[in-house]
């Protein structure tokens, strides 16, 4: 059961996680030359990764190379986690599984939209999230409520005010 939970958490991380779960960059010139990404031979996986991914052994060679690479990176990340990190990942996976499919789809869309932002905008979003997370719960609830009831023009003004504050503070 523990191995199943580990596999499920690792797969979730590979499916929705940040950059480490994304397909590897092809070698320079490979994309231009139309060279497909290389698969990962099962025999080349370290023993612990093979154990963790044993569910896939029978179909490994038929998986797309990008999927093999994502699973391999996910397994490596899982194996590098502390027990506390693994426990946290399991909890996040269980929370994810309880979400309705529509909400999971919305989260995936938002993640893809975030990934398409320029690096500077991604940093700003992350910083805003960190700042928001540090606020007391009551203040976060008030800001959420204000945002939800704001018109598009008011939202734009709120964002501009935030940018101006950031620039004032040299961030």
Protein backbone atom coordinates (compact mmCIF):
# COMPACT_ATOMS: atom_id res chain seq x y z
CA UNK A 1 0.00 0.00 0.00
CA UNK A 2 2.83 2.37 0.87
CA UNK A 3 4.44 1.75 -2.52
CA UNK A 4 1.12 2.44 -4.27
CA UNK A 5 0.76 5.74 -2.41
CA UNK A 6 4.32 6.62 -3.33
CA UNK A 7 3.70 5.79 -6.97
CA UNK A 8 0.47 7.77 -7.05
CA UNK A 9 2.08 10.80 -5.46
CA UNK A 10 5.01 10.61 -7.82
CA UNK A 11 2.71 10.34 -10.83
CA UNK A 12 0.71 13.33 -9.65
CA UNK A 13 3.88 15.30 -9.30
CA UNK A 14 4.95 14.26 -12.78
CA UNK A 15 1.58 15.27 -14.20
CA UNK A 16 1.11 18.68 -12.60
CA UNK A 17 4.40 19.69 -11.10
CA UNK A 18 6.70 22.47 -12.19
CA UNK A 19 9.71 22.41 -14.44
CA UNK A 20 11.24 19.10 -13.30
CA UNK A 21 8.15 17.30 -14.61
CA UNK A 22 8.25 18.98 -17.98
CA UNK A 23 9.77 17.19 -20.96
CA UNK A 24 13.52 17.55 -21.14
CA UNK A 25 14.94 20.08 -23.53
CA UNK A 26 16.12 18.39 -26.69
CA UNK A 27 19.82 18.66 -27.51
CA UNK A 28 20.78 21.78 -29.42
CA UNK A 29 19.64 21.49 -33.01
CA UNK A 30 17.62 18.33 -32.36
CA UNK A 31 14.25 20.06 -32.61
CA UNK A 32 15.29 21.85 -35.78
CA UNK A 33 16.51 18.62 -37.30
CA UNK A 34 13.27 16.85 -36.34
CA UNK A 35 15.09 14.39 -34.08
CA UNK A 36 12.62 12.83 -31.61
CA UNK A 37 13.58 12.82 -27.93
CA UNK A 38 15.44 9.73 -26.79
CA UNK A 39 13.67 7.08 -24.78
CA UNK A 40 15.01 5.82 -21.47
CA UNK A 41 15.93 2.13 -21.56
CA UNK A 42 14.43 0.27 -18.59
CA UNK A 43 17.77 -1.41 -17.93
CA UNK A 44 19.45 2.00 -17.50
CA UNK A 45 17.23 2.94 -14.55
CA UNK A 46 18.80 2.58 -11.10
CA UNK A 47 17.36 -0.28 -9.03
CA UNK A 48 15.35 1.99 -6.72
CA UNK A 49 13.73 3.73 -9.69
CA UNK A 50 12.91 0.37 -11.28
CA UNK A 51 11.29 -0.70 -7.99
CA UNK A 52 9.25 2.50 -7.79
CA UNK A 53 8.20 2.29 -11.45
CA UNK A 54 7.73 -1.48 -11.62
CA UNK A 55 4.05 -0.97 -12.51
CA UNK A 56 5.26 0.40 -15.86
CA UNK A 57 7.88 -2.25 -16.63
CA UNK A 58 5.71 -4.29 -19.01
CA UNK A 59 4.67 -1.25 -21.04
CA UNK A 60 7.83 0.86 -20.59
CA UNK A 61 9.08 0.44 -24.16
CA UNK A 62 5.71 1.49 -25.59
CA UNK A 63 5.54 4.72 -23.54
CA UNK A 64 6.42 7.92 -25.40
CA UNK A 65 9.99 9.05 -24.65
CA UNK A 66 8.72 12.27 -23.03
CA UNK A 67 6.59 10.21 -20.63
CA UNK A 68 9.53 7.92 -19.82
CA UNK A 69 11.68 10.97 -19.08
CA UNK A 70 8.97 12.58 -16.92
CA UNK A 71 8.46 9.36 -14.94
CA UNK A 72 12.21 8.95 -14.50
CA UNK A 73 12.58 12.53 -13.24
CA UNK A 74 9.56 12.06 -10.97
CA UNK A 75 10.99 8.87 -9.51
CA UNK A 76 14.37 10.52 -8.94
CA UNK A 77 12.69 13.44 -7.21
CA UNK A 78 10.56 11.10 -5.06
CA UNK A 79 13.63 9.15 -4.00
CA UNK A 80 15.43 12.37 -3.07
CA UNK A 81 12.60 13.51 -0.75
CA UNK A 82 12.68 13.28 3.00
CA UNK A 83 9.93 11.24 4.71
CA UNK A 84 8.23 14.54 5.65
CA UNK A 85 8.29 15.72 2.04
CA UNK A 86 6.87 12.40 0.87
CA UNK A 87 4.09 12.62 3.44
CA UNK A 88 3.27 16.14 2.29
CA UNK A 89 3.25 14.99 -1.35
CA UNK A 90 0.86 12.15 -0.47
CA UNK A 91 -1.47 14.60 1.26
CA UNK A 92 -1.40 16.94 -1.74
CA UNK A 93 -2.11 14.00 -4.03
CA UNK A 94 -5.10 12.95 -1.95
CA UNK A 95 -6.39 16.53 -1.97
CA UNK A 96 -5.93 16.62 -5.75
CA UNK A 97 -7.82 13.34 -6.17
CA UNK A 98 -10.78 14.72 -4.20
CA UNK A 99 -11.15 17.71 -6.53
CA UNK A 100 -13.86 17.53 -9.18
CA UNK A 101 -12.49 16.94 -12.71
CA UNK A 102 -13.58 20.43 -13.78
CA UNK A 103 -11.54 22.03 -11.03
CA UNK A 104 -8.50 19.91 -11.87
CA UNK A 105 -8.84 20.97 -15.52
CA UNK A 106 -9.02 24.63 -14.47
CA UNK A 107 -5.90 24.25 -12.33
CA UNK A 108 -4.05 22.62 -15.25
CA UNK A 109 -5.09 25.48 -17.55
CA UNK A 110 -3.89 28.05 -15.04
CA UNK A 111 -0.60 26.21 -14.66
CA UNK A 112 -0.11 26.14 -18.44
CA UNK A 113 -0.94 29.85 -18.63
CA UNK A 114 1.60 30.53 -15.86
CA UNK A 115 4.22 28.46 -17.71
CA UNK A 116 3.68 30.57 -20.83
CA UNK A 117 4.47 33.81 -18.97
CA UNK A 118 7.90 35.42 -19.42
CA UNK A 119 10.32 34.61 -16.55
CA UNK A 120 10.02 38.12 -15.08
CA UNK A 121 6.24 37.83 -14.85
CA UNK A 122 6.56 34.35 -13.31
CA UNK A 123 8.87 35.79 -10.65
CA UNK A 124 6.36 38.58 -9.95
CA UNK A 125 3.51 36.09 -9.60
CA UNK A 126 5.58 33.94 -7.23
CA UNK A 127 6.56 36.99 -5.17
CA UNK A 128 2.97 38.17 -4.98
CA UNK A 129 1.91 34.71 -3.85
CA UNK A 130 4.61 34.65 -1.16
CA UNK A 131 3.54 38.11 0.03
CA UNK A 132 -0.12 37.06 0.04
CA UNK A 133 0.70 33.83 1.92
CA UNK A 134 2.44 35.81 4.68
CA UNK A 135 -0.66 37.88 5.39
CA UNK A 136 -2.92 36.97 8.30
CA UNK A 137 -5.76 34.67 7.27
CA UNK A 138 -8.41 37.33 7.85
CA UNK A 139 -6.61 39.84 5.61
CA UNK A 140 -6.22 37.19 2.87
CA UNK A 141 -9.96 36.47 3.07
CA UNK A 142 -10.74 40.20 2.78
CA UNK A 143 -8.49 40.58 -0.25
CA UNK A 144 -10.04 37.51 -1.92
CA UNK A 145 -13.51 38.90 -1.31
CA UNK A 146 -12.53 42.30 -2.66
CA UNK A 147 -11.00 40.71 -5.77
CA UNK A 148 -14.01 38.48 -6.41
CA UNK A 149 -16.41 41.43 -6.31
CA UNK A 150 -14.20 43.82 -8.28
CA UNK A 151 -14.98 44.79 -11.84
CA UNK A 152 -12.28 44.18 -14.47
CA UNK A 153 -11.34 47.88 -14.29
CA UNK A 154 -11.07 47.73 -10.50
CA UNK A 155 -8.95 44.59 -10.74
CA UNK A 156 -6.63 46.32 -13.19
CA UNK A 157 -6.33 49.25 -10.76
CA UNK A 158 -5.53 46.86 -7.91
CA UNK A 159 -2.77 45.27 -10.00
CA UNK A 160 -1.34 48.65 -10.99
CA UNK A 161 -1.30 49.71 -7.34
CA UNK A 162 0.58 46.52 -6.47
CA UNK A 163 3.12 47.14 -9.25
CA UNK A 164 3.66 50.72 -8.10
CA UNK A 165 4.26 49.52 -4.53
CA UNK A 166 6.74 46.95 -5.77
CA UNK A 167 8.63 49.57 -7.77
CA UNK A 168 8.68 51.95 -4.78
CA UNK A 169 10.28 49.29 -2.67
CA UNK A 170 12.83 48.43 -5.35
CA UNK A 171 11.56 44.94 -6.07
